[in-house]
Amino acid sequence: MIMQGVIKQIFVDNWEKFSEIYKGKIRANISREVDKMINCKSLDNGFIEFKCENCGHIKRVGFSCKSRFCTSCGKKKSEEWSDEMVARLINSKHRHMVFTIPQELRIYFARDRKLLSLLPKCSAKAIMSWFRDLNKKECFTPGIISVIHTFGRDLKWNPHVHLIVTEGGAGEITIWRNTKHINYTALRKRWQKILLDEIGINLKSGKKEFKKLKNKLYKRLENGFYVYGKGEIKTAKQAGKYVGRYTARPAIAESRIIKYDGKKVTFRYERHEDGEEVVEEIDVIDFIGRVIRHIPEKNFKMIRYYGIYAKNTRHKNKFFKLVNEKVAEFKRKINNWQTRILLTFGVNPLKCEKCGTQMKFHDIYYKNVSVREKFKEKIIGENKIKIEEIMYNYGVIKGIIRDKIEPLYV
């Protein structure tokens, strides 16, 4: 069985070598995210200190890196996003859709990563235009949550977008209309045209070559680009399952890595075409290259909201939620380090190893400096003048200081 933290170990062992091989070719954000992941929970970067009031035992927990790239922090972030998205869903059936692109287009998104924002934008536009065409007067608006993925199951570059879409929309007159049938043939053609037009507009160079490719794709793919949409979501439990699986998670889970011997990495994945399990062994440097390729640019939003799920929509508070708001709030409150470990492993991390007493928060350290001591110094400094003033007033009242002016500050 593969050890926990194997991905981090792979980078600890090989990142320096990889950086030397590809010097000058690594995006700045990749270096930042990898360094954060390698130093995740290192006590050198600071820690929280817990203390047992019964026996005095101290436990120190290093700060997490909070990077989406880190398998530990990324998983936590993915779960938080999943809960947040499910809490947004209205009490309606939803459909899970996947909008894909042909292989010839993948290189454009690799060269210019800003183009990735076109995937959710254009797929949402295709869906919303189809809904609105159902009734021009009503102009029905669905709810859409989209998640950009750049990786396939084999970790190769394969940009596509996953969407959670309401099976219905809010109209200008009618409050809500359910839509049982979605015309995927129409969606594929709309998706193809809207995306190709937007790529052509946003390309910085090579527009002539792209125009030729565009014509070839129209001829070869007469039915449009492939759109999958058979995943039906009826309950909050199903929503959590779908959203949790496809939200902005790390490119590979540690459970998929079978073996790492220092030179080679063996991992498994389920082939999309036939559901068969494939085991692949690759050089560790190649593995690192495949994984880091999917690190997004700094502040790039992998999750986007459209239609009635957009932030500033007039439909925001019209509908009942799929998940009760009190339940969603409770989940947010219990989503902390201690509770997650307790629920996952059945172990209370704050139970004293020496005497079994519940440990309490004691201090925070940044760069080996105690926050408790800093606060003490600050409070003492701020109150020193007040103490001197009080002492002087006390002396006057008691008659110790008479008939002369004493300075308040020395």
Protein backbone atom coordinates (compact mmCIF):
# COMPACT_ATOMS: atom_id res chain seq x y z
CA MET A 1 0.00 0.00 0.00
CA ILE A 2 1.33 3.43 -0.97
CA MET A 3 2.28 5.71 1.92
CA GLN A 4 0.34 8.85 2.78
CA GLY A 5 2.03 12.03 1.54
CA VAL A 6 3.66 10.26 -1.41
CA ILE A 7 3.05 13.16 -3.85
CA LYS A 8 4.75 15.57 -1.47
CA GLN A 9 7.64 13.10 -1.11
CA ILE A 10 7.97 12.88 -4.90
CA PHE A 11 8.42 16.66 -5.08
CA VAL A 12 10.73 16.81 -2.05
CA ASP A 13 12.98 14.20 -3.71
CA ASN A 14 12.91 15.51 -7.27
CA TRP A 15 11.80 19.17 -7.52
CA GLU A 16 15.34 20.57 -7.41
CA LYS A 17 16.39 18.27 -10.26
CA PHE A 18 13.26 19.09 -12.26
CA SER A 19 13.84 22.85 -11.75
CA GLU A 20 17.41 22.51 -13.02
CA ILE A 21 16.35 20.56 -16.13
CA TYR A 22 13.60 23.07 -17.04
CA LYS A 23 15.28 26.22 -15.78
CA GLY A 24 13.63 29.34 -17.24
CA LYS A 25 10.63 27.36 -18.56
CA ILE A 26 8.63 27.01 -15.33
CA ARG A 27 5.78 29.47 -14.75
CA ALA A 28 6.28 31.65 -11.65
CA ASN A 29 3.05 30.49 -10.07
CA ILE A 30 4.09 26.85 -10.39
CA SER A 31 7.24 27.51 -8.35
CA ARG A 32 5.21 29.36 -5.71
CA GLU A 33 2.61 26.60 -5.39
CA VAL A 34 5.17 23.78 -5.30
CA ASP A 35 7.22 25.55 -2.60
CA LYS A 36 4.05 26.07 -0.55
CA MET A 37 3.14 22.41 -0.89
CA ILE A 38 6.63 21.15 0.01
CA ASN A 39 6.67 23.33 3.16
CA CYS A 40 3.06 22.64 4.12
CA LYS A 41 2.71 22.17 7.90
CA SER A 42 6.41 22.80 8.48
CA LEU A 43 6.92 24.19 11.99
CA ASP A 44 9.56 26.55 10.56
CA ASN A 45 6.74 28.55 8.93
CA GLY A 46 4.79 28.88 12.15
CA PHE A 47 2.42 26.77 14.19
CA ILE A 48 -0.46 26.68 16.64
CA GLU A 49 0.36 25.47 20.12
CA PHE A 50 -2.09 23.50 22.27
CA LYS A 51 -1.45 22.83 25.95
CA CYS A 52 -2.83 20.33 28.45
CA GLU A 53 -3.79 22.20 31.61
CA ASN A 54 -3.65 18.96 33.60
CA CYS A 55 -0.11 17.72 32.87
CA GLY A 56 1.42 20.58 30.86
CA HIS A 57 1.99 18.52 27.69
CA ILE A 58 2.32 20.69 24.56
CA LYS A 59 1.30 19.83 20.99
CA ARG A 60 2.32 21.92 17.98
CA VAL A 61 0.43 21.88 14.66
CA GLY A 62 2.11 23.53 11.66
CA PHE A 63 0.20 25.91 9.41
CA SER A 64 -1.23 24.40 6.24
CA CYS A 65 -0.23 25.93 2.89
CA LYS A 66 -3.84 26.35 1.67
CA SER A 67 -2.70 25.66 -1.89
CA ARG A 68 -5.13 24.04 -4.34
CA PHE A 69 -2.15 22.07 -5.64
CA CYS A 70 -1.46 20.41 -2.27
CA THR A 71 -3.27 17.06 -2.07
CA SER A 72 -4.13 17.67 1.59
CA CYS A 73 -5.12 21.36 1.45
CA GLY A 74 -6.55 21.01 -2.07
CA LYS A 75 -8.85 18.23 -0.90
CA LYS A 76 -10.05 20.40 2.00
CA LYS A 77 -10.59 23.35 -0.35
CA SER A 78 -12.45 21.09 -2.75
CA GLU A 79 -14.76 19.92 0.05
CA GLU A 80 -15.42 23.53 1.12
CA TRP A 81 -16.24 24.54 -2.46
CA SER A 82 -18.45 21.48 -2.80
CA ASP A 83 -20.45 22.41 0.33
CA GLU A 84 -20.69 26.03 -0.82
CA MET A 85 -21.98 25.05 -4.26
CA VAL A 86 -24.50 22.52 -2.97
CA ALA A 87 -25.78 25.20 -0.55
CA ARG A 88 -26.44 27.46 -3.58
CA LEU A 89 -28.55 24.92 -5.47
CA ILE A 90 -32.28 25.56 -5.59
CA ASN A 91 -34.85 22.81 -4.98
CA SER A 92 -35.00 21.62 -8.57
CA LYS A 93 -33.68 18.71 -10.57
CA HIS A 94 -30.23 19.38 -11.99
CA ARG A 95 -28.19 17.82 -14.74
CA HIS A 96 -24.46 17.21 -14.82
CA MET A 97 -23.00 18.13 -18.22
CA VAL A 98 -19.52 17.97 -19.72
CA PHE A 99 -18.54 20.23 -22.62
CA THR A 100 -15.42 19.02 -24.45
CA ILE A 101 -13.18 20.29 -27.24
CA PRO A 102 -11.39 18.43 -30.08
CA GLN A 103 -7.74 17.58 -29.61
CA GLU A 104 -6.58 20.15 -32.20
CA LEU A 105 -7.78 23.03 -30.00
CA ARG A 106 -6.00 21.96 -26.80
CA ILE A 107 -2.70 23.59 -27.79
CA TYR A 108 -4.30 27.05 -27.95
CA PHE A 109 -5.36 26.85 -24.30
CA ALA A 110 -1.90 25.61 -23.30
CA ARG A 111 -0.17 28.53 -25.05
CA ASP A 112 -2.49 31.17 -23.61
CA ARG A 113 -4.10 30.13 -20.33
CA LYS A 114 -6.34 33.18 -20.28
CA LEU A 115 -8.34 31.44 -23.01
CA LEU A 116 -9.46 28.88 -20.41
CA SER A 117 -12.01 31.40 -19.19
CA LEU A 118 -13.77 30.98 -22.55
CA LEU A 119 -14.76 27.39 -21.68
CA PRO A 120 -17.28 28.19 -18.92
CA LYS A 121 -18.35 31.44 -20.60
CA CYS A 122 -19.13 29.85 -23.98
CA SER A 123 -20.71 26.67 -22.60
CA ALA A 124 -22.99 28.76 -20.36
CA LYS A 125 -23.85 31.00 -23.32
CA ALA A 126 -24.81 27.94 -25.40
CA ILE A 127 -27.09 26.60 -22.65
CA MET A 128 -28.70 29.95 -21.84
CA SER A 129 -29.35 30.78 -25.50
CA TRP A 130 -31.09 27.41 -25.97
CA PHE A 131 -33.29 28.00 -22.90
CA ARG A 132 -34.21 31.50 -24.04
CA ASP A 133 -35.15 30.25 -27.50
CA LEU A 134 -37.81 28.02 -25.90
CA ASN A 135 -39.91 31.15 -25.48
CA LYS A 136 -38.63 34.52 -26.70
CA LYS A 137 -41.18 36.39 -24.59
CA GLU A 138 -40.38 34.51 -21.35
CA CYS A 139 -36.62 34.40 -21.95
CA PHE A 140 -36.16 31.51 -19.49
CA THR A 141 -32.96 31.67 -17.40
CA PRO A 142 -31.48 28.44 -15.92
CA GLY A 143 -28.97 28.14 -13.09
CA ILE A 144 -25.44 27.07 -14.08
CA ILE A 145 -22.36 26.26 -12.00
CA SER A 146 -19.27 25.45 -14.05
CA VAL A 147 -15.89 23.97 -13.11
CA ILE A 148 -12.89 24.11 -15.44
CA HIS A 149 -10.77 20.97 -15.70
CA THR A 150 -7.52 20.86 -17.65
CA PHE A 151 -6.61 17.22 -16.99
CA GLY A 152 -7.80 13.88 -18.23
CA ARG A 153 -7.67 10.75 -16.10
CA ASP A 154 -4.19 10.01 -17.48
CA LEU A 155 -3.03 13.51 -16.33
CA LYS A 156 -2.47 14.69 -19.91
CA TRP A 157 -3.56 18.17 -21.05
CA ASN A 158 -7.26 17.96 -21.85
CA PRO A 159 -9.20 21.20 -21.17
CA HIS A 160 -12.96 20.79 -20.70
CA VAL A 161 -15.69 22.07 -18.43
CA HIS A 162 -18.11 20.34 -16.04
CA LEU A 163 -21.45 22.01 -15.40
CA ILE A 164 -24.34 21.56 -12.97
CA VAL A 165 -27.46 22.89 -14.75
CA THR A 166 -31.05 23.27 -13.54
CA GLU A 167 -33.66 21.30 -15.48
CA GLY A 168 -35.74 24.41 -15.91
CA GLY A 169 -35.55 28.17 -15.85
CA ALA A 170 -37.02 31.35 -14.41
CA GLY A 171 -39.11 33.36 -16.90
CA GLU A 172 -39.97 37.02 -17.26
CA ILE A 173 -43.63 36.25 -16.45
CA THR A 174 -43.70 32.62 -15.31
CA ILE A 175 -41.82 32.09 -12.05
CA TRP A 176 -40.44 28.69 -13.08
CA ARG A 177 -40.79 26.23 -15.93
CA ASN A 178 -39.43 22.69 -15.74
CA THR A 179 -37.62 21.40 -18.81
CA LYS A 180 -37.57 17.62 -19.12
CA HIS A 181 -35.87 17.43 -22.50
CA ILE A 182 -32.66 19.19 -23.49
CA ASN A 183 -31.68 19.08 -27.15
CA TYR A 184 -28.02 18.04 -27.06
CA THR A 185 -27.66 18.15 -30.84
CA ALA A 186 -28.55 21.85 -30.76
CA LEU A 187 -26.23 22.40 -27.77
CA ARG A 188 -23.28 20.76 -29.54
CA LYS A 189 -23.60 23.00 -32.58
CA ARG A 190 -24.09 26.13 -30.48
CA TRP A 191 -21.10 25.21 -28.30
CA GLN A 192 -18.96 24.66 -31.39
CA LYS A 193 -19.85 27.96 -33.07
CA ILE A 194 -19.73 30.15 -29.94
CA LEU A 195 -16.37 28.73 -28.80
CA LEU A 196 -14.67 28.86 -32.22
CA ASP A 197 -15.84 32.45 -32.74
CA GLU A 198 -14.58 33.51 -29.29
CA ILE A 199 -11.19 31.83 -29.76
CA GLY A 200 -10.78 33.60 -33.09
CA ILE A 201 -11.59 36.97 -31.47
CA ASN A 202 -9.25 36.45 -28.48
CA LEU A 203 -6.23 34.98 -30.29
CA LYS A 204 -3.17 37.23 -30.12
CA SER A 205 -1.42 35.64 -33.11
CA GLY A 206 -1.83 32.90 -35.72
CA LYS A 207 -5.32 33.98 -36.78
CA LYS A 208 -4.89 32.79 -40.38
CA GLU A 209 -3.86 29.30 -39.31
CA PHE A 210 -6.74 29.18 -36.85
CA LYS A 211 -9.23 30.17 -39.56
CA LYS A 212 -8.09 27.19 -41.67
CA LEU A 213 -8.40 24.87 -38.65
CA LYS A 214 -11.84 26.30 -37.89
CA ASN A 215 -13.08 25.42 -41.38
CA LYS A 216 -11.63 21.90 -41.09
CA LEU A 217 -13.37 21.36 -37.74
CA TYR A 218 -16.71 22.47 -39.16
CA LYS A 219 -16.34 19.95 -42.00
CA ARG A 220 -15.09 17.07 -39.83
CA LEU A 221 -17.44 17.63 -36.88
CA GLU A 222 -20.74 18.41 -38.59
CA ASN A 223 -22.71 17.62 -35.42
CA GLY A 224 -20.67 20.04 -33.29
CA PHE A 225 -18.33 19.46 -30.35
CA TYR A 226 -19.16 16.63 -27.97
CA VAL A 227 -21.45 17.41 -25.04
CA TYR A 228 -22.28 14.81 -22.39
CA GLY A 229 -25.33 15.28 -20.18
CA LYS A 230 -26.77 12.06 -18.77
CA GLY A 231 -26.01 12.64 -15.10
CA GLU A 232 -29.32 13.44 -13.42
CA ILE A 233 -29.28 15.04 -9.96
CA LYS A 234 -32.47 14.84 -7.91
CA THR A 235 -31.38 15.04 -4.25
CA ALA A 236 -28.92 16.94 -2.07
CA LYS A 237 -26.97 13.70 -1.54
CA GLN A 238 -26.56 13.20 -5.30
CA ALA A 239 -25.61 16.87 -5.70
CA GLY A 240 -22.90 16.52 -3.07
CA LYS A 241 -21.59 13.40 -4.82
CA TYR A 242 -21.42 15.04 -8.26
CA VAL A 243 -20.13 18.40 -7.13
CA GLY A 244 -17.58 16.80 -4.80
CA ARG A 245 -16.26 14.61 -7.59
CA TYR A 246 -15.92 17.34 -10.20
CA THR A 247 -15.11 20.45 -8.19
CA ALA A 248 -11.70 22.13 -8.42
CA ARG A 249 -9.69 19.27 -6.93
CA PRO A 250 -6.00 18.34 -7.35
CA ALA A 251 -5.16 16.61 -10.64
CA ILE A 252 -4.52 13.24 -8.98
CA ALA A 253 -5.49 11.69 -5.66
CA GLU A 254 -2.81 9.84 -3.69
CA SER A 255 -5.04 6.74 -3.64
CA ARG A 256 -4.41 6.37 -7.39
CA ILE A 257 -0.63 6.06 -6.97
CA ILE A 258 0.33 2.40 -6.71
CA LYS A 259 4.11 2.65 -6.43
CA TYR A 260 6.97 5.17 -6.18
CA ASP A 261 10.55 3.86 -6.04
CA GLY A 262 12.46 7.13 -6.37
CA LYS A 263 12.79 6.90 -10.16
CA LYS A 264 9.42 5.73 -11.47
CA VAL A 265 5.81 6.45 -10.52
CA THR A 266 3.09 3.88 -11.14
CA PHE A 267 -0.51 5.09 -11.05
CA ARG A 268 -3.91 3.84 -12.13
CA TYR A 269 -6.93 5.39 -13.80
CA GLU A 270 -10.22 4.29 -15.29
CA ARG A 271 -10.29 4.63 -19.06
CA HIS A 272 -13.17 6.86 -20.07
CA GLU A 273 -14.00 4.99 -23.30
CA ASP A 274 -14.71 1.56 -21.81
CA GLY A 275 -14.39 1.88 -18.01
CA GLU A 276 -11.35 -0.42 -17.94
CA GLU A 277 -8.65 0.20 -15.33
CA VAL A 278 -5.31 1.19 -16.82
CA VAL A 279 -2.00 1.03 -14.92
CA GLU A 280 0.75 3.35 -16.21
CA GLU A 281 4.38 3.60 -15.13
CA ILE A 282 6.29 6.77 -16.03
CA ASP A 283 9.56 8.48 -15.13
CA VAL A 284 9.26 10.64 -12.00
CA ILE A 285 10.36 13.79 -13.91
CA ASP A 286 7.66 13.15 -16.51
CA PHE A 287 5.12 12.61 -13.70
CA ILE A 288 6.02 15.97 -12.12
CA GLY A 289 5.67 17.65 -15.51
CA ARG A 290 2.22 16.21 -16.06
CA VAL A 291 0.99 17.22 -12.59
CA ILE A 292 2.30 20.81 -12.46
CA ARG A 293 0.95 21.59 -15.91
CA HIS A 294 -2.52 21.79 -14.37
CA ILE A 295 -1.64 24.43 -11.75
CA PRO A 296 -3.73 27.48 -12.70
CA GLU A 297 -2.46 31.03 -12.80
CA LYS A 298 -2.64 33.06 -9.59
CA ASN A 299 -6.19 34.27 -8.77
CA PHE A 300 -7.65 32.45 -11.80
CA LYS A 301 -11.21 31.34 -11.00
CA MET A 302 -11.78 27.67 -11.80
CA ILE A 303 -15.42 27.81 -10.65
CA ARG A 304 -17.93 30.19 -12.26
CA TYR A 305 -21.64 30.91 -11.77
CA TYR A 306 -24.19 31.91 -14.42
CA GLY A 307 -27.91 32.54 -14.84
CA ILE A 308 -29.90 32.46 -11.62
CA TYR A 309 -26.76 31.31 -9.76
CA ALA A 310 -24.81 34.43 -10.71
CA LYS A 311 -23.88 36.64 -7.77
CA ASN A 312 -25.94 39.72 -8.66
CA THR A 313 -29.12 38.17 -9.99
CA ARG A 314 -32.66 39.33 -9.34
CA HIS A 315 -33.70 35.66 -8.97
CA LYS A 316 -31.36 35.12 -6.01
CA ASN A 317 -33.94 34.80 -3.20
CA LYS A 318 -36.96 33.59 -5.18
CA PHE A 319 -36.59 29.84 -4.71
CA PHE A 320 -36.29 27.27 -1.94
CA LYS A 321 -32.84 25.74 -1.57
CA LEU A 322 -32.02 22.09 -2.14
CA VAL A 323 -30.24 22.07 1.24
CA ASN A 324 -31.79 23.75 4.29
CA GLU A 325 -29.85 26.92 5.12
CA LYS A 326 -29.53 25.94 8.78
CA VAL A 327 -27.99 22.61 7.76
CA ALA A 328 -25.57 24.41 5.41
CA GLU A 329 -24.60 26.82 8.19
CA PHE A 330 -24.05 23.93 10.63
CA LYS A 331 -21.74 22.21 8.11
CA ARG A 332 -19.71 25.40 7.76
CA LYS A 333 -19.33 25.69 11.53
CA ILE A 334 -18.08 22.13 12.02
CA ASN A 335 -15.69 22.30 9.07
CA ASN A 336 -12.53 22.70 11.14
CA TRP A 337 -9.29 20.81 11.56
CA GLN A 338 -10.28 18.97 14.74
CA THR A 339 -13.72 17.88 13.53
CA ARG A 340 -12.43 16.69 10.13
CA ILE A 341 -9.83 14.43 11.76
CA LEU A 342 -12.38 13.16 14.26
CA LEU A 343 -14.91 12.31 11.52
CA THR A 344 -12.31 10.84 9.14
CA PHE A 345 -10.14 8.81 11.51
CA GLY A 346 -12.26 8.58 14.67
CA VAL A 347 -9.44 10.16 16.68
CA ASN A 348 -9.59 13.40 18.67
CA PRO A 349 -6.32 15.21 17.81
CA LEU A 350 -6.62 17.41 20.91
CA LYS A 351 -6.82 14.57 23.38
CA CYS A 352 -3.63 14.71 25.46
CA GLU A 353 -1.30 11.80 24.65
CA LYS A 354 -0.02 11.74 28.24
CA CYS A 355 -3.15 11.91 30.41
CA GLY A 356 -6.15 11.89 28.04
CA THR A 357 -7.39 15.38 29.03
CA GLN A 358 -8.79 17.72 26.35
CA MET A 359 -6.00 20.13 25.34
CA LYS A 360 -6.70 23.85 24.91
CA PHE A 361 -5.42 26.50 22.53
CA HIS A 362 -2.39 28.18 24.08
CA ASP A 363 -0.36 30.19 21.56
CA ILE A 364 0.46 30.97 17.92
CA TYR A 365 4.02 31.23 16.60
CA TYR A 366 5.09 33.09 13.47
CA LYS A 367 8.78 32.70 12.55
CA ASN A 368 9.55 31.48 16.09
CA VAL A 369 7.93 34.56 17.66
CA SER A 370 5.14 33.98 20.19
CA VAL A 371 1.96 35.96 19.50
CA ARG A 372 1.07 35.63 23.18
CA GLU A 373 4.34 37.34 24.19
CA LYS A 374 3.89 40.04 21.54
CA PHE A 375 0.42 40.82 22.90
CA LYS A 376 1.83 40.91 26.45
CA GLU A 377 4.46 43.44 25.40
CA LYS A 378 1.88 45.52 23.54
CA ILE A 379 -0.56 45.55 26.47
CA ILE A 380 2.19 46.35 28.98
CA GLY A 381 3.51 49.16 26.75
CA GLU A 382 0.06 50.68 26.24
CA ASN A 383 -0.77 50.48 29.93
CA LYS A 384 2.54 51.68 31.34
CA ILE A 385 1.54 55.33 30.90
CA LYS A 386 -1.90 54.65 32.37
CA ILE A 387 -0.32 52.97 35.39
CA GLU A 388 1.98 55.96 36.00
CA GLU A 389 -0.99 58.34 35.74
CA ILE A 390 -3.04 56.27 38.20
CA MET A 391 -0.11 56.12 40.64
CA TYR A 392 0.32 59.91 40.45
CA ASN A 393 -3.40 60.52 41.07
CA TYR A 394 -3.28 58.06 43.97
CA GLY A 395 -0.34 60.01 45.47
CA VAL A 396 -2.22 63.30 45.19
CA ILE A 397 -5.35 61.84 46.79
CA LYS A 398 -3.37 60.35 49.68
CA GLY A 399 -1.41 63.57 50.19
CA ILE A 400 1.89 61.94 49.37
CA ILE A 401 2.56 64.48 46.59
CA ARG A 402 1.91 68.10 47.75
CA ASP A 403 2.14 71.56 46.26
CA LYS A 404 4.30 70.70 43.29
CA ILE A 405 3.74 69.66 39.69
CA GLU A 406 5.02 66.25 38.85
CA PRO A 407 5.50 65.22 35.21
CA LEU A 408 3.13 62.49 34.07
CA TYR A 409 5.65 61.00 31.66
CA VAL A 410 9.28 60.35 32.25
